[in-house]
Protein backbone atom coordinates (compact mmCIF):
# COMPACT_ATOMS: atom_id res chain seq x y z
CA MET A 1 35.95 70.66 38.23
CA THR A 2 36.44 73.66 36.48
CA THR A 3 36.39 73.66 33.12
CA GLN A 4 33.52 75.68 31.39
CA LYS A 5 34.81 74.95 27.57
CA VAL A 6 32.44 72.78 25.31
CA VAL A 7 33.61 68.88 25.66
CA GLU A 8 33.39 66.30 22.64
CA GLY A 9 34.65 63.92 21.06
CA VAL A 10 34.96 60.06 21.72
CA PHE A 11 35.66 57.10 24.96
CA GLY A 12 34.55 54.08 25.66
CA ILE A 13 32.03 52.42 28.08
CA ASN A 14 31.75 48.89 29.51
CA LYS A 15 28.60 47.38 27.93
CA PRO A 16 26.78 45.41 31.18
CA LEU A 17 24.76 41.81 29.78
CA GLY A 18 21.37 42.27 29.17
CA MET A 19 21.42 45.63 27.55
CA SER A 20 21.16 47.26 23.86
CA SER A 21 23.21 49.30 22.42
CA ALA A 22 20.85 51.89 22.02
CA GLN A 23 20.48 51.59 25.62
CA VAL A 24 23.58 52.30 26.72
CA ILE A 25 23.36 55.38 25.07
CA ARG A 26 20.18 56.43 26.05
CA ASP A 27 21.03 56.40 29.79
CA ALA A 28 23.84 57.77 28.99
CA GLN A 29 22.28 61.35 27.89
CA GLN A 30 20.21 61.17 30.75
CA GLN A 31 23.16 61.28 33.02
CA LEU A 32 25.20 64.07 30.46
CA ASN A 33 21.93 66.15 29.16
CA PRO A 34 21.16 68.04 32.68
CA SER A 35 25.36 67.65 33.94
CA LYS A 36 27.29 71.05 34.63
CA MET A 37 29.73 69.32 31.91
CA PHE A 38 27.58 69.26 29.31
CA ALA A 39 25.63 72.58 29.55
CA PRO A 40 28.11 74.67 27.68
CA TRP A 41 27.06 72.46 24.71
CA ILE A 42 23.86 72.47 24.75
CA LYS A 43 24.49 76.12 25.61
CA GLN A 44 26.01 75.76 22.06
CA GLU A 45 23.19 74.12 20.21
CA LYS A 46 21.16 76.28 21.59
CA GLU A 47 22.42 78.75 19.49
CA LYS A 48 23.14 77.63 16.94
CA ARG A 49 19.21 76.16 16.09
CA ALA A 50 18.54 80.05 17.27
CA VAL A 51 19.71 81.19 14.10
CA GLU A 52 18.34 78.34 11.95
CA SER A 53 15.97 78.40 8.51
CA HIS A 54 12.13 79.02 10.04
CA ALA A 55 11.69 75.17 7.69
CA GLN A 56 14.49 73.56 9.93
CA GLN A 57 13.24 75.41 12.93
CA LYS A 58 9.00 74.26 12.33
CA ARG A 59 10.54 70.09 11.39
CA ARG A 60 12.30 70.57 15.11
CA ARG A 61 9.01 71.32 16.83
CA GLN A 62 7.37 68.86 15.31
CA VAL A 63 9.60 66.21 16.56
CA LYS A 64 8.99 68.11 20.02
CA ARG A 65 12.05 67.28 22.02
CA GLU A 66 13.88 69.07 23.78
CA ILE A 67 17.57 69.47 23.54
CA GLN A 68 19.73 66.21 23.88
CA VAL A 69 23.42 65.76 23.67
CA LYS A 70 23.81 64.32 20.60
CA MET A 71 25.75 60.70 21.04
CA GLY A 72 26.45 57.87 18.87
CA HIS A 73 28.21 54.18 18.86
CA GLY A 74 31.08 53.10 16.53
CA GLY A 75 29.44 49.58 16.95
CA THR A 76 26.52 47.76 18.36
CA LEU A 77 26.76 44.64 20.30
CA ASP A 78 24.75 42.42 21.14
CA PRO A 79 22.18 42.67 24.81
CA LEU A 80 24.03 39.22 25.52
CA ALA A 81 27.56 40.41 25.07
CA THR A 82 29.32 42.63 26.76
CA GLY A 83 32.77 45.07 27.38
CA VAL A 84 34.00 47.88 24.61
CA LEU A 85 31.50 50.10 23.82
CA ILE A 86 32.82 53.58 22.25
CA LEU A 87 31.15 56.14 22.16
CA GLY A 88 31.05 59.49 19.94
CA VAL A 89 30.21 63.01 21.82
CA GLY A 90 28.94 65.96 19.79
CA SER A 91 31.44 66.19 16.78
CA GLY A 92 33.23 63.04 17.97
CA THR A 93 30.03 61.38 16.34
CA LYS A 94 31.64 61.77 12.66
CA CYS A 95 34.96 59.41 13.49
CA LEU A 96 32.92 56.50 14.76
CA GLN A 97 32.87 55.26 11.74
CA SER A 98 36.52 54.29 11.23
CA PHE A 99 35.75 52.35 14.50
CA LEU A 100 33.84 49.59 12.24
CA GLN A 101 37.19 49.33 10.42
CA CYS A 102 39.65 48.47 13.06
CA THR A 103 40.67 45.23 14.84
CA LYS A 104 38.61 44.21 17.93
CA THR A 105 39.79 41.49 20.15
CA TYR A 106 36.56 39.05 21.79
CA GLU A 107 36.91 36.31 25.00
CA THR A 108 34.34 33.79 24.00
CA ILE A 109 32.95 30.63 25.17
CA VAL A 110 31.63 28.39 23.22
CA LEU A 111 29.50 25.44 24.63
CA PHE A 112 29.73 22.10 22.20
CA GLY A 113 26.44 20.30 21.93
CA ALA A 114 23.20 21.90 20.81
CA SER A 115 22.80 24.39 18.17
CA THR A 116 20.46 27.21 18.24
CA ASP A 117 18.67 29.17 15.37
CA THR A 118 20.82 32.37 16.54
CA TYR A 119 23.96 30.74 17.31
CA ASP A 120 23.82 31.36 21.06
CA ARG A 121 22.52 30.92 24.10
CA SER A 122 19.84 33.35 23.73
CA GLY A 123 17.72 31.32 20.78
CA ARG A 124 16.18 28.26 20.55
CA VAL A 125 17.26 24.70 20.24
CA LEU A 126 17.03 23.59 16.64
CA MET A 127 19.62 20.26 16.40
CA ARG A 128 21.51 18.04 19.58
CA ARG A 129 24.90 16.09 18.21
CA PRO A 130 27.00 13.91 20.35
CA TYR A 131 29.78 15.62 22.48
CA GLU A 132 30.88 12.66 24.29
CA HIS A 133 34.54 12.57 21.52
CA ILE A 134 35.21 15.92 22.15
CA THR A 135 38.28 16.65 23.70
CA LYS A 136 41.27 19.54 25.10
CA GLU A 137 43.55 18.34 21.89
CA ALA A 138 40.90 18.18 19.23
CA VAL A 139 39.92 21.19 20.13
CA LEU A 140 43.59 22.85 19.84
CA LYS A 141 43.63 21.21 17.19
CA ALA A 142 40.35 22.40 15.92
CA VAL A 143 41.40 25.83 16.07
CA ASP A 144 44.36 25.55 13.95
CA GLU A 145 42.37 25.42 11.36
CA PHE A 146 40.59 29.19 11.55
CA ARG A 147 43.81 30.98 11.87
CA GLY A 148 44.56 33.49 9.20
CA THR A 149 42.25 34.92 6.31
CA ILE A 150 38.96 33.04 6.11
CA LYS A 151 35.56 32.50 4.67
CA GLN A 152 32.75 32.99 7.01
CA VAL A 153 28.74 32.56 6.37
CA PRO A 154 27.27 35.61 8.07
CA PRO A 155 24.74 33.98 11.09
CA LEU A 156 21.27 32.82 9.44
CA TYR A 157 19.71 36.11 11.46
CA SER A 158 22.32 38.04 9.72
CA ALA A 159 20.78 37.26 5.74
CA LEU A 160 17.46 39.25 6.84
CA LYS A 161 16.23 39.70 3.35
CA MET A 162 16.84 37.78 0.11
CA GLU A 163 15.50 39.23 -3.23
CA GLY A 164 13.75 41.49 -0.55
CA LYS A 165 11.67 39.07 1.67
CA PRO A 166 13.36 37.83 5.30
CA LEU A 167 14.45 34.38 5.02
CA TYR A 168 11.99 32.86 7.86
CA GLU A 169 9.10 34.18 5.41
CA TYR A 170 10.48 31.29 2.55
CA ALA A 171 10.49 28.88 5.80
CA ARG A 172 7.10 29.57 6.58
CA GLU A 173 5.35 29.00 3.18
CA GLY A 174 7.68 26.15 2.85
CA LYS A 175 9.48 27.59 0.06
CA PRO A 176 13.10 26.93 -1.19
CA ILE A 177 15.60 29.34 -0.10
CA PRO A 178 16.45 31.08 -3.59
CA ARG A 179 20.38 31.33 -3.40
CA GLU A 180 23.22 30.75 -1.53
CA ILE A 181 24.16 32.72 1.50
CA PRO A 182 27.05 34.43 0.40
CA THR A 183 30.26 34.09 2.13
CA ARG A 184 32.37 37.18 3.70
CA GLU A 185 36.72 36.90 3.25
CA VAL A 186 37.78 37.95 7.82
CA GLU A 187 40.68 37.69 8.80
CA VAL A 188 41.68 36.07 12.45
CA LYS A 189 44.74 38.01 13.09
CA GLU A 190 45.13 36.25 16.86
CA LEU A 191 43.24 32.80 18.41
CA GLU A 192 44.26 31.52 21.98
CA LEU A 193 42.06 28.47 23.75
CA LEU A 194 42.47 30.11 27.38
CA GLU A 195 40.60 27.36 29.14
CA TYR A 196 39.29 23.90 28.54
CA TYR A 197 36.05 23.12 30.63
CA GLU A 198 36.11 19.47 31.66
CA PRO A 199 32.01 18.55 31.05
CA GLY A 200 30.40 18.43 34.59
CA THR A 201 33.01 21.66 35.55
CA HIS A 202 31.34 24.34 34.51
CA LYS A 203 27.28 26.82 34.53
CA PHE A 204 27.54 27.16 31.36
CA ARG A 205 24.13 25.38 29.58
CA TRP A 206 21.62 25.27 26.29
CA PRO A 207 18.18 26.80 25.82
CA ARG A 208 15.26 25.17 26.93
CA GLU A 209 13.01 26.50 24.45
CA GLN A 210 12.86 24.16 21.65
CA ALA A 211 12.32 25.95 17.52
CA ASP A 212 9.47 24.98 15.57
CA ALA A 213 9.45 22.98 12.21
CA ALA A 214 9.93 25.92 9.93
CA GLU A 215 12.53 27.11 11.44
CA THR A 216 14.47 23.79 11.82
CA ARG A 217 13.37 23.08 7.94
CA LEU A 218 15.25 26.24 7.23
CA ALA A 219 18.53 26.03 9.16
CA GLN A 220 19.13 22.83 7.47
CA GLN A 221 18.24 24.20 4.16
CA VAL A 222 20.55 26.66 4.76
CA TRP A 223 23.38 24.23 5.81
CA LYS A 224 23.04 22.28 3.39
CA LEU A 225 23.59 25.23 0.26
CA GLU A 226 26.87 25.51 2.89
CA GLY A 227 27.74 22.51 2.21
CA GLU A 228 28.55 22.12 6.28
CA ASP A 229 29.02 18.14 7.11
CA ILE A 230 25.06 17.91 9.41
CA ASP A 231 23.57 14.98 9.31
CA SER A 232 19.81 16.21 9.24
CA ALA A 233 19.28 12.74 11.34
CA ALA A 234 20.67 13.87 14.18
CA ALA A 235 18.39 17.02 13.67
CA THR A 236 15.97 17.87 17.83
CA GLN A 237 13.79 14.73 18.44
CA GLU A 238 10.88 16.99 18.71
CA SER A 239 11.48 17.64 14.68
CA GLU A 240 11.80 13.91 13.34
CA ALA A 241 8.83 13.62 15.20
CA SER A 242 6.55 16.90 13.38
CA SER A 243 4.13 15.63 11.77
CA GLU A 244 2.35 17.22 8.90
CA GLU A 245 -0.41 18.30 11.08
CA GLU A 246 2.13 19.64 13.65
CA ILE A 247 3.51 21.57 10.35
CA ARG A 248 0.68 22.92 9.32
CA GLU A 249 -0.89 24.04 12.63
CA SER A 250 3.18 26.14 13.29
CA GLU A 251 2.70 27.52 10.53
CA ALA A 252 -0.73 28.71 11.23
CA LEU A 253 0.50 30.27 14.62
CA ALA A 254 3.84 32.03 12.78
CA ALA A 255 1.40 33.38 10.33
CA HIS A 256 -1.03 34.12 13.51
CA GLU A 257 1.88 36.16 15.05
CA ALA A 258 2.90 38.17 11.69
CA THR A 259 -0.44 39.82 11.56
CA LYS A 260 -1.31 40.80 15.73
CA ARG A 261 2.19 42.15 15.32
CA ARG A 262 1.10 44.58 12.28
CA PHE A 263 -0.97 46.18 15.05
CA GLU A 264 2.46 46.32 17.27
CA GLU A 265 5.06 49.05 17.69
CA SER A 266 8.52 47.64 19.21
CA VAL A 267 9.28 50.54 21.68
CA ASP A 268 13.65 49.16 21.33
CA GLU A 269 14.11 47.00 18.09
CA LEU A 270 17.23 46.18 20.25
CA VAL A 271 19.90 45.67 17.60
CA ARG A 272 19.34 48.76 15.69
CA ASP A 273 17.83 51.46 16.16
CA CYS A 274 14.42 52.78 15.84
CA PRO A 275 13.90 53.75 11.74
CA SER A 276 13.36 56.94 9.96
CA ARG A 277 10.00 58.31 9.93
CA LYS A 278 10.11 57.98 6.28
CA LYS A 279 10.73 54.02 6.48
CA ARG A 280 7.37 53.96 9.16
CA ARG A 281 5.37 55.88 7.31
CA PHE A 282 6.55 53.29 4.00
CA GLU A 283 5.98 50.20 6.42
CA LYS A 284 2.77 51.82 7.13
CA SER A 285 1.27 52.74 4.27
CA SER A 286 1.94 49.35 2.48
CA GLY A 287 1.13 46.58 5.47
CA ARG A 288 4.55 45.24 6.80
CA SER A 289 5.94 45.21 10.52
CA GLN A 290 9.44 45.51 11.14
CA VAL A 291 9.39 42.43 14.12
CA PRO A 292 11.47 43.46 17.01
CA MET A 293 14.50 40.82 17.26
CA MET A 294 16.26 39.83 20.48
CA SER A 295 20.14 39.48 20.50
CA GLY A 296 19.82 39.31 16.39
CA ALA A 297 17.19 36.47 16.96
CA LEU A 298 16.02 34.43 12.91
CA ASN A 299 11.69 35.52 13.55
CA GLY A 300 10.63 37.37 16.71
CA HIS A 301 9.72 35.60 19.75
CA PRO A 302 5.59 35.81 20.90
CA GLU A 303 6.51 37.01 24.45
CA THR A 304 9.04 39.54 23.06
CA ALA A 305 7.08 40.98 20.73
CA GLU A 306 4.25 41.48 23.73
CA LYS A 307 6.47 42.32 26.17
CA ALA A 308 8.10 45.16 23.60
CA SER A 309 4.68 46.68 21.93
CA GLU A 310 2.84 49.83 23.56
CA SER A 311 -0.44 51.37 22.44
CA LYS A 312 -1.22 54.02 20.28
CA LYS A 313 -1.71 56.09 22.95
CA ASP A 314 0.59 55.42 25.51
CA LYS A 315 3.17 55.96 22.35
CA LYS A 316 1.96 59.70 21.81
CA ASP A 317 1.94 60.50 25.46
CA ARG A 318 5.49 59.25 25.75
CA LYS A 319 7.30 60.98 22.85
CA ASN A 320 4.87 64.61 23.75
CA THR A 321 7.15 64.12 27.45
CA PRO A 322 10.59 65.82 26.77
CA ASN A 323 13.68 64.09 26.59
CA ASN A 324 11.00 60.59 27.59
CA GLN A 325 11.30 61.49 31.13
CA ASN A 326 8.24 58.99 31.66
CA SER A 327 8.96 56.69 29.30
CA ASP A 328 9.25 52.68 30.57
CA PRO A 329 12.31 52.27 32.53
CA SER A 330 12.96 48.47 31.46
CA ARG A 331 12.68 48.76 28.13
CA GLY A 332 16.46 48.14 26.40
CA HIS A 333 17.13 46.42 29.50
CA ASN A 334 17.15 43.05 31.59
CA LEU A 335 17.09 41.68 27.50
CA VAL A 336 19.18 38.08 28.23
CA PRO A 337 17.63 35.87 30.63
CA GLU A 338 19.61 34.24 33.30
CA VAL A 339 20.67 30.87 33.36
CA ASP A 340 18.65 29.59 36.08
CA GLU A 341 21.60 26.72 37.71
CA SER A 342 18.21 25.74 40.26
CA LEU A 343 16.80 24.04 37.74
CA PRO A 344 18.82 20.07 36.47
CA PRO A 345 20.55 20.76 33.36
CA PRO A 346 18.91 19.94 29.85
CA TRP A 347 21.21 16.85 29.70
CA GLU A 348 22.18 13.91 31.24
CA GLY A 349 25.62 12.71 33.03
CA LYS A 350 28.00 14.84 32.97
CA GLY A 351 27.26 16.77 30.00
CA PRO A 352 28.85 18.57 27.14
CA ALA A 353 32.36 20.33 27.33
CA ALA A 354 33.38 24.51 26.68
CA ALA A 355 35.83 26.32 26.12
CA ARG A 356 37.09 29.86 26.48
CA ILE A 357 38.58 31.12 23.51
CA ARG A 358 40.52 34.63 22.80
CA LEU A 359 40.25 35.88 19.52
CA THR A 360 41.75 39.05 17.59
CA VAL A 361 39.81 39.79 13.99
CA THR A 362 39.29 42.21 11.53
CA SER A 363 36.23 43.89 11.16
CA GLY A 364 33.40 41.96 9.94
CA PHE A 365 33.51 38.63 12.38
CA TYR A 366 30.70 37.36 13.51
CA VAL A 367 31.73 35.49 16.42
CA ARG A 368 29.27 33.27 17.01
CA SER A 369 29.91 32.03 13.64
CA PHE A 370 32.64 30.77 14.19
CA CYS A 371 31.26 28.86 17.47
CA HIS A 372 29.09 27.28 15.56
CA ASP A 373 31.30 26.21 12.23
CA LEU A 374 33.92 25.00 15.55
CA GLY A 375 31.47 22.98 16.46
CA ILE A 376 31.28 21.55 12.99
CA LYS A 377 34.77 21.03 12.98
CA LEU A 378 34.20 18.45 15.70
CA GLY A 379 32.04 16.39 14.39
CA SER A 380 29.04 18.18 16.36
CA VAL A 381 27.33 21.82 16.95
CA ALA A 382 28.66 24.38 19.39
CA LEU A 383 26.68 27.87 20.36
CA MET A 384 28.61 31.32 21.96
CA SER A 385 27.10 31.03 25.24
CA GLU A 386 29.65 34.71 26.16
CA LEU A 387 30.99 37.14 24.46
CA CYS A 388 33.04 40.35 25.61
CA ARG A 389 34.44 42.72 23.95
CA SER A 390 37.87 43.27 25.55
CA ARG A 391 39.28 45.72 22.73
CA GLN A 392 38.14 47.66 20.26
CA GLY A 393 41.05 50.00 17.90
CA ASP A 394 43.08 51.70 21.32
CA PHE A 395 40.04 51.12 24.02
CA LYS A 396 41.19 48.45 25.99
CA LEU A 397 38.76 47.19 28.99
CA ASN A 398 39.83 48.06 33.09
CA THR A 399 42.12 51.59 31.23
CA PRO A 400 41.29 54.51 31.55
CA SER A 401 39.94 54.75 27.84
CA VAL A 402 36.86 52.40 29.36
CA LEU A 403 34.42 53.90 31.74
CA GLU A 404 32.58 50.96 33.69
CA TYR A 405 28.77 51.12 33.48
CA SER A 406 28.20 51.48 36.98
CA ASP A 407 29.86 54.53 37.24
CA LEU A 408 28.04 56.37 35.27
CA MET A 409 25.14 55.35 37.84
CA LYS A 410 26.92 57.21 40.09
CA GLY A 411 26.35 60.64 39.72
CA GLU A 412 28.34 63.26 37.68
CA GLU A 413 30.70 64.00 40.62
CA VAL A 414 31.57 60.00 40.24
CA TRP A 415 31.66 60.24 36.12
CA ALA A 416 32.63 63.45 34.69
CA PRO A 417 35.90 63.80 36.20
CA LYS A 418 36.96 60.15 34.13
CA ILE A 419 34.94 61.66 30.70
CA GLU A 420 36.72 64.83 30.78
CA ALA A 421 39.77 63.36 31.21
CA MET A 422 38.72 60.91 28.45
CA LEU A 423 37.91 63.60 25.98
CA ARG A 424 40.91 65.67 26.65
CA GLN A 425 42.98 63.04 25.71
CA TRP A 426 41.13 62.13 22.57
CA GLU A 427 41.47 65.76 21.54
CA GLU A 428 44.81 65.70 21.95
CA LYS A 429 45.66 62.99 20.77
CA HIS A 430 43.36 63.70 17.11
CA SER A 431 43.43 67.07 16.80
CA PRO A 432 44.08 68.90 13.61
CA SER A 433 47.86 69.36 13.49
CA PRO A 434 49.87 73.40 13.26
CA LYS A 435 50.99 71.73 10.38
CA MET A 436 48.44 70.39 8.06
CA ALA A 437 46.69 71.91 5.43
CA PRO A 438 43.28 74.16 5.78
CA GLY A 439 40.95 72.54 5.96
CA LYS A 440 42.26 68.63 6.49
CA THR A 441 42.17 66.71 9.60
CA GLU A 442 43.95 63.90 10.62
CA HIS A 443 42.22 60.11 10.43
CA VAL A 444 41.64 58.28 13.26
CA GLU A 445 44.96 56.31 14.65
CA THR A 446 44.13 52.41 14.79
CA ASP A 447 46.40 49.31 15.18
CA GLN A 448 45.76 48.05 12.13
CA LYS A 449 49.13 48.05 9.65
CA PRO A 450 48.55 49.65 6.78
CA GLU A 451 47.26 47.13 4.12
CA PRO A 452 48.09 46.10 0.45
CA ALA A 453 45.95 48.22 -1.90
CA LYS A 454 44.32 44.92 -3.34
CA VAL A 455 40.69 44.17 -1.53
CA VAL A 456 38.73 41.17 -1.86
CA ALA A 457 35.30 41.10 -2.34
CA PRO A 458 32.54 39.14 -0.47
CA ILE A 459 31.05 36.22 -2.57
CA LYS A 460 27.67 37.11 -3.29
CA PRO A 461 26.01 34.94 -5.97
CA GLU A 462 23.63 36.34 -8.61
CA THR A 463 21.27 38.11 -8.67
CA ALA A 464 17.67 35.49 -9.64
CA THR A 465 17.29 36.40 -13.71
CA GLY A 466 14.51 38.54 -13.87
CA ALA A 467 14.38 40.50 -10.82
CA SER A 468 13.85 45.00 -10.74
CA GLU A 469 15.77 47.22 -10.21
CA ARG A 470 14.75 48.17 -7.26
CA THR A 471 15.10 44.28 -6.09
CA ILE A 472 18.95 44.44 -6.93
CA GLN A 473 18.93 47.24 -4.63
CA ASP A 474 17.13 46.04 -1.72
CA ASP A 475 19.20 43.03 -1.77
CA GLU A 476 22.40 44.32 -1.50
CA LYS A 477 21.14 46.29 1.46
CA SER A 478 20.00 42.82 3.10
CA TRP A 479 23.61 41.63 2.97
CA ASN A 480 24.65 44.09 5.40
CA GLY A 481 25.09 42.29 9.27
CA ILE A 482 25.79 43.78 11.90
CA GLU A 483 28.26 43.27 14.65
CA ASP A 484 28.82 40.96 17.56
C-alpha cells in the first residue's frame, strides 16, 4: 500500500452474532487509530484542532481523549442480528443518514409455539400456544398476506415511553396503558419462504426463562389493545397460576432492582450509544436511571445489569486512560447466549416447526414484529430465532463492498487493502460531479425507486387531554424505534 492521502468514505462490515453495533465501531477504531493507512487522517485532525478556539480546546481537554478516527454506522443491528453494518469514516459519516431510508434484505428464522417479551429468543417466555396444526402449506398461505403495504405495531420494547413513562412501569404499578401503541405503515417488496423445517428436524429452541407476572399482564393488555386474537387463557401455566402474593412479590423484587440500578452505571447500553453528558447530568440530578436493555428487552434483566455495571472509581480510571486501552475487552461482546444443544428441548415430543424466510423491506420495518404477527396469523405464537441482514442499499454480504469482521482482527496487512479499495470505490461513485454547481453534492445512490410526493404518516393516537407541551414532545421522541 503506497497511498499516503487522507482516506474517508463508507464501507460495509459483516457484524458477528452477539456483538453490539457500538462495539463493532470500537473494535474498528482500535485497528484504524494506530494504522499507517489512517495516519494522514489523524495528522489532519490534529492540525484542525491546533487552530481551534480556546473554548473548543478547553472542552476537548475536559474529555481527556486522544484523537480517534471518526466513525459511525448507518443503521444499528441488535446483538442477536448478524450481517451488513454500514460504517462511515471521517467525512463519510455525513452520508450515513441516507442509509436509514434505503431498502434492506433480511433472512430470518421463525420458530413457532412460543412468544417472548422481546419477540426473539433472547427474551423471556410470555406464553405458549398449540403448534401441531402448522404446516408448510399453511405458512405459504399466511405469508401472502404480508406482501405489499402493511401496518405494523412496533415490538413492546420499541415503544419506550408513553406520557414520559416506560411501558413496563405501568405493568409494575398495575396501571392500564393510557392509549394504544401507534402503528406504522411499511412495505414488504419481496417475501420468500426459503426453507420449512419439519418438527424434530432443526436445532432452534425457545428460551427457558419465563417472564414475570407484571410483564405478562402488560403483554396481554397491549395485545388486547392491538386487537390480536390471542386467548389470555393460553398464557403459560406459570402466569395463570400466579397468586396475588406472588404478584406482590414480583413487583417488590422489580422495585428493588430498579432502586439498585439507580446506583449503577451501564458500561454499554447495547442498543444505543452512550447518552450525552447533558442527559446524564439530568438523570443524575433527577434520580432517574438509564436501564440497560439487551437486544431490546422489555426491562433490564438483573444479571445483565450487574454484569454491565462498574464502580465510579473504575469508570473514572477507564475514562482517563488514552483510547480506553485498559477497558474491559469483553464489553459489547458475547451478549447473546448460545443455544445449548446438550440440554433437552423445552417441549415434549418433536416440538414445533420453524421456517427460514427472506424479506426485502422499506425503512422502519421490524422483522421481529413480522415473526410475532405470523405466529398469530397461523393461530399460534412465534418468535424470531435468528436474523441476518444480507443487504442494505448497494452493500451485500459476500461481495467486495462488505468486509468480514474476522479480517479486521487479522491486522492492517489484511484489512487495509480491502478497506482502501472500498473507500476508493465509494469516493469515485459519490464525489461531486465537475458539472455540478459550486457547493452542490450528489445524493447517495440507493436502490429505491422514486416515490410519489404523498407520504402517509404513521397512525398516532392523540395525547391525553391536559398533557404538558414537554410531555407531548417527549412522547413524540419515544416512538422512534430502533432498527432490527
